Amino acid sequence: MAKLGWNNKQKGQLLIEAMVAVSLMLVGLLGIFGVLSRSLGLSRVAADQFVAVNLASEGIEIAKNLLDSNLKQGLAWNANFVDGENVPVGYLSSALDGAGSCEGPELYLDPATGFYTCEAITGVSSRFSRVLDIETELSGERINVISTVTWKVRGGFDSSVTVEDHFYNWRDLRG
């Protein structure tokens, strides 16, 4: 008469199958968590680059607005522009005369307006810094402006974005 039920070999096989199934599920979950962690880190990098590009573009726009303001006030097209490197600038700057209107290149996030400013009094410290490099050609008919934004990324490494523009004296007010 045959004995019904499981023998010891079958019981051990079920245990091994259960361990293999749990191991495969664990490997799959670890892979998913690894991809999720990596994508969250890359989204932070992309967000920082997005903000930095816009802050660098804002630096160029500040220079353009000052040139337009000079013309509107009847000043020389390049008044208040002096060649200089690492000129800190904020969106309320009224001159690019080598000293800038900021105490330093650090930018602060103003919680009331949501704008980045160079005034530490009204803002919360951000990881971003912005400077302009201004170079006037010898003829005085062109100004090169380079806006550079730097920030610290995860791990303490520096990252930067640079935007460059050239402004020409195409509106001669003499004639």
Foldseek 3Di string as FASTA:
>chain_A
DDDDDDDPVVVVVVVVVVVVVVVVVVVVVVVVVVVVVVVVQVVVVVVVVVVQVVVLVLVVVLVVVLLVVCVVVVHPSQPLADFEWFAAEFNPWNHNNHNYPAPHQWWFQQPVPRGIGRDPVRGHGDQKGKGWGWDADPVNFKIKIKIKMWGAGPPRDIDMDIDIDMDGPPPDPPD
